[in-house]
Amino acid sequence: MITLINRFEVTGAIEEFERAFDRTSAFFAAQPGFVRHRLLRPLDGQGHFVNVADWEDEPSFRRALEQPEFAEHRAALRALSTSDPQLYTPLLERLPS
């Protein structure tokens, strides 16, 4: 499994960003290898969001980005925000006992 952590700084209307992200989320959820994601917003501010998405593996994630339909989603989000995507591999996870 890999985890994408993508920090967004919204430069456009927040509501419009949230709608565009929701459409992008639906696109990714339909892709092979997608596991889950969460969009997070800090409690003390607006305009910043963090997307945490889990994928079965890096090739699945890369194939999703290569889909022609993704270009529209990428353009919509870039028109409303800047982002800093990074891929991570899980090192430690602990659940309550």
PDB file of N, CA and C in Angstrom:
ATOM      1  N   MET A   1       0.841  -1.171   0.000  1.00  0.00           N
ATOM      2  CA  MET A   1       0.000   0.000   0.000  1.00  0.00           C
ATOM      3  C   MET A   1       0.893   1.242   0.000  1.00  0.00           C
ATOM      4  N   ILE A   2       0.405   2.290  -0.675  1.00  0.00           N
ATOM      5  CA  ILE A   2       1.059   3.597  -0.639  1.00  0.00           C
ATOM      6  C   ILE A   2       0.033   4.628  -0.210  1.00  0.00           C
ATOM      7  N   THR A   3       0.517   5.738   0.305  1.00  0.00           N
ATOM      8  CA  THR A   3      -0.357   6.827   0.732  1.00  0.00           C
ATOM      9  C   THR A   3       0.077   8.107   0.040  1.00  0.00           C
ATOM     10  N   LEU A   4      -0.875   8.767  -0.578  1.00  0.00           N
ATOM     11  CA  LEU A   4      -0.664  10.085  -1.150  1.00  0.00           C
ATOM     12  C   LEU A   4      -1.095  11.105  -0.112  1.00  0.00           C
ATOM     13  N   ILE A   5      -0.219  12.035   0.192  1.00  0.00           N
ATOM     14  CA  ILE A   5      -0.577  13.177   1.031  1.00  0.00           C
ATOM     15  C   ILE A   5      -0.371  14.407   0.174  1.00  0.00           C
ATOM     16  N   ASN A   6      -1.463  15.123  -0.044  1.00  0.00           N
ATOM     17  CA  ASN A   6      -1.439  16.278  -0.926  1.00  0.00           C
ATOM     18  C   ASN A   6      -2.024  17.466  -0.178  1.00  0.00           C
ATOM     19  N   ARG A   7      -1.178  18.453   0.079  1.00  0.00           N
ATOM     20  CA  ARG A   7      -1.609  19.664   0.783  1.00  0.00           C
ATOM     21  C   ARG A   7      -2.012  20.711  -0.248  1.00  0.00           C
ATOM     22  N   PHE A   8      -3.228  21.223  -0.100  1.00  0.00           N
ATOM     23  CA  PHE A   8      -3.756  22.231  -1.001  1.00  0.00           C
ATOM     24  C   PHE A   8      -3.839  23.584  -0.299  1.00  0.00           C
ATOM     25  N   GLU A   9      -3.475  24.630  -1.010  1.00  0.00           N
ATOM     26  CA  GLU A   9      -3.746  25.990  -0.570  1.00  0.00           C
ATOM     27  C   GLU A   9      -4.715  26.573  -1.588  1.00  0.00           C
ATOM     28  N   VAL A  10      -5.913  26.854  -1.146  1.00  0.00           N
ATOM     29  CA  VAL A  10      -6.968  27.313  -2.049  1.00  0.00           C
ATOM     30  C   VAL A  10      -6.771  28.799  -2.353  1.00  0.00           C
ATOM     31  N   THR A  11      -6.748  29.093  -3.643  1.00  0.00           N
ATOM     32  CA  THR A  11      -6.588  30.479  -4.104  1.00  0.00           C
ATOM     33  C   THR A  11      -7.882  31.021  -4.690  1.00  0.00           C
ATOM     34  N   GLY A  12      -8.849  30.153  -4.925  1.00  0.00           N
ATOM     35  CA  GLY A  12     -10.153  30.548  -5.457  1.00  0.00           C
ATOM     36  C   GLY A  12     -11.209  30.432  -4.378  1.00  0.00           C
ATOM     37  N   ALA A  13     -12.446  30.337  -4.793  1.00  0.00           N
ATOM     38  CA  ALA A  13     -13.563  30.191  -3.858  1.00  0.00           C
ATOM     39  C   ALA A  13     -13.504  28.815  -3.199  1.00  0.00           C
ATOM     40  N   ILE A  14     -13.588  28.783  -1.889  1.00  0.00           N
ATOM     41  CA  ILE A  14     -13.481  27.523  -1.147  1.00  0.00           C
ATOM     42  C   ILE A  14     -14.595  26.560  -1.530  1.00  0.00           C
ATOM     43  N   GLU A  15     -15.813  27.060  -1.651  1.00  0.00           N
ATOM     44  CA  GLU A  15     -16.940  26.184  -2.006  1.00  0.00           C
ATOM     45  C   GLU A  15     -16.740  25.574  -3.384  1.00  0.00           C
ATOM     46  N   GLU A  16     -16.199  26.349  -4.300  1.00  0.00           N
ATOM     47  CA  GLU A  16     -15.939  25.833  -5.644  1.00  0.00           C
ATOM     48  C   GLU A  16     -14.839  24.766  -5.605  1.00  0.00           C
ATOM     49  N   PHE A  17     -13.806  25.004  -4.808  1.00  0.00           N
ATOM     50  CA  PHE A  17     -12.755  23.997  -4.638  1.00  0.00           C
ATOM     51  C   PHE A  17     -13.338  22.699  -4.085  1.00  0.00           C
ATOM     52  N   GLU A  18     -14.175  22.804  -3.063  1.00  0.00           N
ATOM     53  CA  GLU A  18     -14.763  21.610  -2.454  1.00  0.00           C
ATOM     54  C   GLU A  18     -15.603  20.837  -3.465  1.00  0.00           C
ATOM     55  N   ARG A  19     -16.345  21.535  -4.311  1.00  0.00           N
ATOM     56  CA  ARG A  19     -17.139  20.842  -5.345  1.00  0.00           C
ATOM     57  C   ARG A  19     -16.223  20.172  -6.373  1.00  0.00           C
ATOM     58  N   ALA A  20     -15.175  20.877  -6.800  1.00  0.00           N
ATOM     59  CA  ALA A  20     -14.240  20.301  -7.767  1.00  0.00           C
ATOM     60  C   ALA A  20     -13.529  19.094  -7.168  1.00  0.00           C
ATOM     61  N   PHE A  21     -13.160  19.194  -5.904  1.00  0.00           N
ATOM     62  CA  PHE A  21     -12.484  18.071  -5.256  1.00  0.00           C
ATOM     63  C   PHE A  21     -13.429  16.877  -5.134  1.00  0.00           C
ATOM     64  N   ASP A  22     -14.694  17.130  -4.846  1.00  0.00           N
ATOM     65  CA  ASP A  22     -15.667  16.049  -4.749  1.00  0.00           C
ATOM     66  C   ASP A  22     -15.782  15.296  -6.074  1.00  0.00           C
ATOM     67  N   ARG A  23     -15.794  16.032  -7.181  1.00  0.00           N
ATOM     68  CA  ARG A  23     -15.847  15.377  -8.504  1.00  0.00           C
ATOM     69  C   ARG A  23     -14.568  14.568  -8.753  1.00  0.00           C
ATOM     70  N   THR A  24     -13.431  15.124  -8.371  1.00  0.00           N
ATOM     71  CA  THR A  24     -12.163  14.409  -8.533  1.00  0.00           C
ATOM     72  C   THR A  24     -12.138  13.167  -7.654  1.00  0.00           C
ATOM     73  N   SER A  25     -12.657  13.284  -6.458  1.00  0.00           N
ATOM     74  CA  SER A  25     -12.735  12.144  -5.544  1.00  0.00           C
ATOM     75  C   SER A  25     -13.544  11.003  -6.157  1.00  0.00           C
ATOM     76  N   ALA A  26     -14.674  11.340  -6.763  1.00  0.00           N
ATOM     77  CA  ALA A  26     -15.504  10.307  -7.397  1.00  0.00           C
ATOM     78  C   ALA A  26     -14.755   9.643  -8.545  1.00  0.00           C
ATOM     79  N   PHE A  27     -13.995  10.435  -9.303  1.00  0.00           N
ATOM     80  CA  PHE A  27     -13.190   9.869 -10.391  1.00  0.00           C
ATOM     81  C   PHE A  27     -12.194   8.851  -9.832  1.00  0.00           C
ATOM     82  N   PHE A  28     -11.433   9.253  -8.808  1.00  0.00           N
ATOM     83  CA  PHE A  28     -10.421   8.343  -8.252  1.00  0.00           C
ATOM     84  C   PHE A  28     -11.047   7.114  -7.616  1.00  0.00           C
ATOM     85  N   ALA A  29     -12.172   7.277  -6.955  1.00  0.00           N
ATOM     86  CA  ALA A  29     -12.813   6.147  -6.288  1.00  0.00           C
ATOM     87  C   ALA A  29     -13.202   5.046  -7.272  1.00  0.00           C
ATOM     88  N   ALA A  30     -13.391   5.399  -8.527  1.00  0.00           N
ATOM     89  CA  ALA A  30     -13.763   4.421  -9.552  1.00  0.00           C
ATOM     90  C   ALA A  30     -12.553   3.752 -10.206  1.00  0.00           C
ATOM     91  N   GLN A  31     -11.342   4.154  -9.817  1.00  0.00           N
ATOM     92  CA  GLN A  31     -10.137   3.610 -10.448  1.00  0.00           C
ATOM     93  C   GLN A  31      -9.661   2.344  -9.752  1.00  0.00           C
ATOM     94  N   PRO A  32      -9.172   1.372 -10.520  1.00  0.00           N
ATOM     95  CA  PRO A  32      -8.618   0.145  -9.916  1.00  0.00           C
ATOM     96  C   PRO A  32      -7.446   0.495  -9.006  1.00  0.00           C
ATOM     97  N   GLY A  33      -7.424  -0.124  -7.843  1.00  0.00           N
ATOM     98  CA  GLY A  33      -6.337   0.081  -6.896  1.00  0.00           C
ATOM     99  C   GLY A  33      -6.603   1.145  -5.848  1.00  0.00           C
ATOM    100  N   PHE A  34      -7.666   1.935  -6.039  1.00  0.00           N
ATOM    101  CA  PHE A  34      -8.023   2.950  -5.045  1.00  0.00           C
ATOM    102  C   PHE A  34      -8.562   2.254  -3.806  1.00  0.00           C
ATOM    103  N   VAL A  35      -8.100   2.666  -2.630  1.00  0.00           N
ATOM    104  CA  VAL A  35      -8.569   2.071  -1.380  1.00  0.00           C
ATOM    105  C   VAL A  35      -9.503   3.020  -0.642  1.00  0.00           C
ATOM    106  N   ARG A  36      -9.032   4.234  -0.348  1.00  0.00           N
ATOM    107  CA  ARG A  36      -9.847   5.216   0.382  1.00  0.00           C
ATOM    108  C   ARG A  36      -9.121   6.548   0.418  1.00  0.00           C
ATOM    109  N   HIS A  37      -9.864   7.572   0.787  1.00  0.00           N
ATOM    110  CA  HIS A  37      -9.218   8.863   1.016  1.00  0.00           C
ATOM    111  C   HIS A  37     -10.042   9.694   1.983  1.00  0.00           C
ATOM    112  N   ARG A  38      -9.382  10.697   2.513  1.00  0.00           N
ATOM    113  CA  ARG A  38     -10.049  11.692   3.361  1.00  0.00           C
ATOM    114  C   ARG A  38      -9.534  13.067   2.960  1.00  0.00           C
ATOM    115  N   LEU A  39     -10.437  14.038   2.940  1.00  0.00           N
ATOM    116  CA  LEU A  39     -10.054  15.423   2.736  1.00  0.00           C
ATOM    117  C   LEU A  39     -10.178  16.104   4.085  1.00  0.00           C
ATOM    118  N   LEU A  40      -9.085  16.700   4.554  1.00  0.00           N
ATOM    119  CA  LEU A  40      -9.037  17.303   5.874  1.00  0.00           C
ATOM    120  C   LEU A  40      -8.861  18.811   5.762  1.00  0.00           C
ATOM    121  N   ARG A  41      -9.488  19.522   6.699  1.00  0.00           N
ATOM    122  CA  ARG A  41      -9.334  20.975   6.781  1.00  0.00           C
ATOM    123  C   ARG A  41      -8.930  21.309   8.212  1.00  0.00           C
ATOM    124  N   PRO A  42      -7.932  22.186   8.412  1.00  0.00           N
ATOM    125  CA  PRO A  42      -7.520  22.545   9.770  1.00  0.00           C
ATOM    126  C   PRO A  42      -8.660  23.218  10.545  1.00  0.00           C
ATOM    127  N   LEU A  43      -8.686  22.992  11.830  1.00  0.00           N
ATOM    128  CA  LEU A  43      -9.710  23.610  12.669  1.00  0.00           C
ATOM    129  C   LEU A  43      -9.541  25.114  12.787  1.00  0.00           C
ATOM    130  N   ASP A  44      -8.311  25.595  12.668  1.00  0.00           N
ATOM    131  CA  ASP A  44      -8.052  27.007  12.932  1.00  0.00           C
ATOM    132  C   ASP A  44      -7.909  27.870  11.686  1.00  0.00           C
ATOM    133  N   GLY A  45      -8.348  27.377  10.545  1.00  0.00           N
ATOM    134  CA  GLY A  45      -8.206  28.233   9.377  1.00  0.00           C
ATOM    135  C   GLY A  45      -8.903  27.676   8.155  1.00  0.00           C
ATOM    136  N   GLN A  46      -9.152  28.571   7.220  1.00  0.00           N
ATOM    137  CA  GLN A  46      -9.737  28.167   5.957  1.00  0.00           C
ATOM    138  C   GLN A  46      -8.715  28.365   4.862  1.00  0.00           C
ATOM    139  N   GLY A  47      -8.943  27.696   3.778  1.00  0.00           N
ATOM    140  CA  GLY A  47      -8.071  27.875   2.635  1.00  0.00           C
ATOM    141  C   GLY A  47      -6.983  26.837   2.514  1.00  0.00           C
ATOM    142  N   HIS A  48      -6.840  25.991   3.520  1.00  0.00           N
ATOM    143  CA  HIS A  48      -5.853  24.917   3.463  1.00  0.00           C
ATOM    144  C   HIS A  48      -6.585  23.594   3.645  1.00  0.00           C
ATOM    145  N   PHE A  49      -6.225  22.632   2.827  1.00  0.00           N
ATOM    146  CA  PHE A  49      -6.816  21.302   2.904  1.00  0.00           C
ATOM    147  C   PHE A  49      -5.703  20.283   2.734  1.00  0.00           C
ATOM    148  N   VAL A  50      -5.920  19.091   3.277  1.00  0.00           N
ATOM    149  CA  VAL A  50      -4.986  17.987   3.083  1.00  0.00           C
ATOM    150  C   VAL A  50      -5.781  16.779   2.620  1.00  0.00           C
ATOM    151  N   ASN A  51      -5.350  16.198   1.519  1.00  0.00           N
ATOM    152  CA  ASN A  51      -5.943  14.968   1.003  1.00  0.00           C
ATOM    153  C   ASN A  51      -5.014  13.822   1.396  1.00  0.00           C
ATOM    154  N   VAL A  52      -5.579  12.819   2.055  1.00  0.00           N
ATOM    155  CA  VAL A  52      -4.830  11.613   2.413  1.00  0.00           C
ATOM    156  C   VAL A  52      -5.524  10.457   1.697  1.00  0.00           C
ATOM    157  N   ALA A  53      -4.825   9.860   0.727  1.00  0.00           N
ATOM    158  CA  ALA A  53      -5.423   8.807  -0.093  1.00  0.00           C
ATOM    159  C   ALA A  53      -4.557   7.559  -0.070  1.00  0.00           C
ATOM    160  N   ASP A  54      -5.183   6.430   0.154  1.00  0.00           N
ATOM    161  CA  ASP A  54      -4.483   5.149   0.131  1.00  0.00           C
ATOM    162  C   ASP A  54      -4.779   4.419  -1.170  1.00  0.00           C
ATOM    163  N   TRP A  55      -3.726   3.847  -1.732  1.00  0.00           N
ATOM    164  CA  TRP A  55      -3.803   3.070  -2.959  1.00  0.00           C
ATOM    165  C   TRP A  55      -3.146   1.718  -2.721  1.00  0.00           C
ATOM    166  N   GLU A  56      -3.589   0.716  -3.457  1.00  0.00           N
ATOM    167  CA  GLU A  56      -3.000  -0.613  -3.318  1.00  0.00           C
ATOM    168  C   GLU A  56      -1.510  -0.597  -3.613  1.00  0.00           C
ATOM    169  N   ASP A  57      -1.114   0.158  -4.644  1.00  0.00           N
ATOM    170  CA  ASP A  57       0.293   0.221  -5.026  1.00  0.00           C
ATOM    171  C   ASP A  57       0.541   1.446  -5.896  1.00  0.00           C
ATOM    172  N   GLU A  58       1.797   1.780  -6.108  1.00  0.00           N
ATOM    173  CA  GLU A  58       2.140   2.950  -6.904  1.00  0.00           C
ATOM    174  C   GLU A  58       1.710   2.824  -8.365  1.00  0.00           C
ATOM    175  N   PRO A  59       1.876   1.655  -9.010  1.00  0.00           N
ATOM    176  CA  PRO A  59       1.422   1.558 -10.402  1.00  0.00           C
ATOM    177  C   PRO A  59      -0.071   1.861 -10.569  1.00  0.00           C
ATOM    178  N   SER A  60      -0.905   1.447  -9.628  1.00  0.00           N
ATOM    179  CA  SER A  60      -2.342   1.760  -9.708  1.00  0.00           C
ATOM    180  C   SER A  60      -2.571   3.261  -9.653  1.00  0.00           C
ATOM    181  N   PHE A  61      -1.875   3.924  -8.753  1.00  0.00           N
ATOM    182  CA  PHE A  61      -1.992   5.380  -8.633  1.00  0.00           C
ATOM    183  C   PHE A  61      -1.533   6.056  -9.919  1.00  0.00           C
ATOM    184  N   ARG A  62      -0.399   5.644 -10.446  1.00  0.00           N
ATOM    185  CA  ARG A  62       0.134   6.260 -11.672  1.00  0.00           C
ATOM    186  C   ARG A  62      -0.792   6.047 -12.864  1.00  0.00           C
ATOM    187  N   ARG A  63      -1.399   4.852 -12.964  1.00  0.00           N
ATOM    188  CA  ARG A  63      -2.340   4.589 -14.062  1.00  0.00           C
ATOM    189  C   ARG A  63      -3.557   5.509 -13.970  1.00  0.00           C
ATOM    190  N   ALA A  64      -4.019   5.767 -12.760  1.00  0.00           N
ATOM    191  CA  ALA A  64      -5.163   6.672 -12.595  1.00  0.00           C
ATOM    192  C   ALA A  64      -4.810   8.075 -13.089  1.00  0.00           C
ATOM    193  N   LEU A  65      -3.594   8.529 -12.788  1.00  0.00           N
ATOM    194  CA  LEU A  65      -3.169   9.856 -13.234  1.00  0.00           C
ATOM    195  C   LEU A  65      -3.036   9.932 -14.751  1.00  0.00           C
ATOM    196  N   GLU A  66      -2.768   8.802 -15.406  1.00  0.00           N
ATOM    197  CA  GLU A  66      -2.591   8.765 -16.850  1.00  0.00           C
ATOM    198  C   GLU A  66      -3.902   8.697 -17.622  1.00  0.00           C
ATOM    199  N   GLN A  67      -5.024   8.503 -16.928  1.00  0.00           N
ATOM    200  CA  GLN A  67      -6.314   8.428 -17.609  1.00  0.00           C
ATOM    201  C   GLN A  67      -6.621   9.783 -18.247  1.00  0.00           C
ATOM    202  N   PRO A  68      -7.057   9.799 -19.504  1.00  0.00           N
ATOM    203  CA  PRO A  68      -7.352  11.072 -20.170  1.00  0.00           C
ATOM    204  C   PRO A  68      -8.364  11.927 -19.406  1.00  0.00           C
ATOM    205  N   GLU A  69      -9.308  11.295 -18.723  1.00  0.00           N
ATOM    206  CA  GLU A  69     -10.335  12.023 -17.987  1.00  0.00           C
ATOM    207  C   GLU A  69      -9.763  12.808 -16.813  1.00  0.00           C
ATOM    208  N   PHE A  70      -8.587  12.407 -16.318  1.00  0.00           N
ATOM    209  CA  PHE A  70      -8.015  13.098 -15.172  1.00  0.00           C
ATOM    210  C   PHE A  70      -7.569  14.517 -15.516  1.00  0.00           C
ATOM    211  N   ALA A  71      -7.235  14.773 -16.763  1.00  0.00           N
ATOM    212  CA  ALA A  71      -6.755  16.106 -17.160  1.00  0.00           C
ATOM    213  C   ALA A  71      -7.759  17.192 -16.783  1.00  0.00           C
ATOM    214  N   GLU A  72      -9.040  16.930 -16.966  1.00  0.00           N
ATOM    215  CA  GLU A  72     -10.072  17.910 -16.616  1.00  0.00           C
ATOM    216  C   GLU A  72     -10.095  18.176 -15.106  1.00  0.00           C
ATOM    217  N   HIS A  73      -9.961  17.122 -14.315  1.00  0.00           N
ATOM    218  CA  HIS A  73      -9.950  17.268 -12.858  1.00  0.00           C
ATOM    219  C   HIS A  73      -8.709  18.051 -12.405  1.00  0.00           C
ATOM    220  N   ARG A  74      -7.578  17.711 -12.975  1.00  0.00           N
ATOM    221  CA  ARG A  74      -6.330  18.401 -12.636  1.00  0.00           C
ATOM    222  C   ARG A  74      -6.452  19.889 -12.945  1.00  0.00           C
ATOM    223  N   ALA A  75      -6.981  20.222 -14.118  1.00  0.00           N
ATOM    224  CA  ALA A  75      -7.120  21.625 -14.517  1.00  0.00           C
ATOM    225  C   ALA A  75      -8.066  22.381 -13.587  1.00  0.00           C
ATOM    226  N   ALA A  76      -9.165  21.749 -13.197  1.00  0.00           N
ATOM    227  CA  ALA A  76     -10.130  22.406 -12.313  1.00  0.00           C
ATOM    228  C   ALA A  76      -9.507  22.704 -10.956  1.00  0.00           C
ATOM    229  N   LEU A  77      -8.779  21.748 -10.399  1.00  0.00           N
ATOM    230  CA  LEU A  77      -8.152  21.966  -9.094  1.00  0.00           C
ATOM    231  C   LEU A  77      -7.023  22.981  -9.176  1.00  0.00           C
ATOM    232  N   ARG A  78      -6.244  22.945 -10.252  1.00  0.00           N
ATOM    233  CA  ARG A  78      -5.144  23.910 -10.411  1.00  0.00           C
ATOM    234  C   ARG A  78      -5.651  25.333 -10.611  1.00  0.00           C
ATOM    235  N   ALA A  79      -6.840  25.476 -11.154  1.00  0.00           N
ATOM    236  CA  ALA A  79      -7.414  26.807 -11.331  1.00  0.00           C
ATOM    237  C   ALA A  79      -7.849  27.407  -9.994  1.00  0.00           C
ATOM    238  N   LEU A  80      -8.030  26.556  -8.983  1.00  0.00           N
ATOM    239  CA  LEU A  80      -8.547  26.994  -7.688  1.00  0.00           C
ATOM    240  C   LEU A  80      -7.550  26.878  -6.552  1.00  0.00           C
ATOM    241  N   SER A  81      -6.399  26.229  -6.805  1.00  0.00           N
ATOM    242  CA  SER A  81      -5.481  25.969  -5.697  1.00  0.00           C
ATOM    243  C   SER A  81      -4.082  25.655  -6.195  1.00  0.00           C
ATOM    244  N   THR A  82      -3.159  25.671  -5.251  1.00  0.00           N
ATOM    245  CA  THR A  82      -1.832  25.112  -5.471  1.00  0.00           C
ATOM    246  C   THR A  82      -1.747  23.878  -4.584  1.00  0.00           C
ATOM    247  N   SER A  83      -0.853  22.961  -4.931  1.00  0.00           N
ATOM    248  CA  SER A  83      -0.771  21.745  -4.120  1.00  0.00           C
ATOM    249  C   SER A  83       0.656  21.221  -4.068  1.00  0.00           C
ATOM    250  N   ASP A  84       0.880  20.356  -3.100  1.00  0.00           N
ATOM    251  CA  ASP A  84       2.182  19.741  -2.892  1.00  0.00           C
ATOM    252  C   ASP A  84       1.976  18.249  -2.643  1.00  0.00           C
ATOM    253  N   PRO A  85       1.830  17.434  -3.713  1.00  0.00           N
ATOM    254  CA  PRO A  85       1.590  16.002  -3.537  1.00  0.00           C
ATOM    255  C   PRO A  85       2.888  15.230  -3.271  1.00  0.00           C
ATOM    256  N   GLN A  86       2.816  14.292  -2.347  1.00  0.00           N
ATOM    257  CA  GLN A  86       3.947  13.412  -2.036  1.00  0.00           C
ATOM    258  C   GLN A  86       3.411  12.004  -1.796  1.00  0.00           C
ATOM    259  N   LEU A  87       4.149  10.998  -2.263  1.00  0.00           N
ATOM    260  CA  LEU A  87       3.789   9.595  -2.006  1.00  0.00           C
ATOM    261  C   LEU A  87       4.603   9.078  -0.827  1.00  0.00           C
ATOM    262  N   TYR A  88       3.942   8.285   0.006  1.00  0.00           N
ATOM    263  CA  TYR A  88       4.578   7.712   1.189  1.00  0.00           C
ATOM    264  C   TYR A  88       4.276   6.226   1.245  1.00  0.00           C
ATOM    265  N   THR A  89       5.155   5.509   1.893  1.00  0.00           N
ATOM    266  CA  THR A  89       4.902   4.109   2.186  1.00  0.00           C
ATOM    267  C   THR A  89       4.691   3.983   3.692  1.00  0.00           C
ATOM    268  N   PRO A  90       3.692   3.235   4.128  1.00  0.00           N
ATOM    269  CA  PRO A  90       3.432   3.113   5.562  1.00  0.00           C
ATOM    270  C   PRO A  90       4.615   2.477   6.294  1.00  0.00           C
ATOM    271  N   LEU A  91       4.925   3.034   7.426  1.00  0.00           N
ATOM    272  CA  LEU A  91       6.019   2.533   8.247  1.00  0.00           C
ATOM    273  C   LEU A  91       5.488   1.935   9.539  1.00  0.00           C
ATOM    274  N   LEU A  92       4.529   2.592  10.162  1.00  0.00           N
ATOM    275  CA  LEU A  92       3.983   2.140  11.445  1.00  0.00           C
ATOM    276  C   LEU A  92       2.534   2.547  11.524  1.00  0.00           C
ATOM    277  N   GLU A  93       1.693   1.659  11.969  1.00  0.00           N
ATOM    278  CA  GLU A  93       0.290   1.980  12.218  1.00  0.00           C
ATOM    279  C   GLU A  93      -0.111   1.276  13.511  1.00  0.00           C
ATOM    280  N   ARG A  94      -0.751   2.003  14.371  1.00  0.00           N
ATOM    281  CA  ARG A  94      -1.190   1.434  15.650  1.00  0.00           C
ATOM    282  C   ARG A  94      -2.652   1.743  15.838  1.00  0.00           C
ATOM    283  N   LEU A  95      -3.406   0.744  16.235  1.00  0.00           N
ATOM    284  CA  LEU A  95      -4.823   0.895  16.528  1.00  0.00           C
ATOM    285  C   LEU A  95      -5.022   0.702  18.030  1.00  0.00           C
ATOM    286  N   PRO A  96      -6.116   1.229  18.568  1.00  0.00           N
ATOM    287  CA  PRO A  96      -6.351   1.023  20.000  1.00  0.00           C
ATOM    288  C   PRO A  96      -6.475  -0.465  20.318  1.00  0.00           C
ATOM    289  N   SER A  97      -5.976  -0.836  21.477  1.00  0.00           N
ATOM    290  CA  SER A  97      -6.055  -2.266  21.863  1.00  0.00           C
ATOM    291  C   SER A  97      -7.296  -2.559  22.654  1.00  0.00           C
TER     292      SER A  97
END
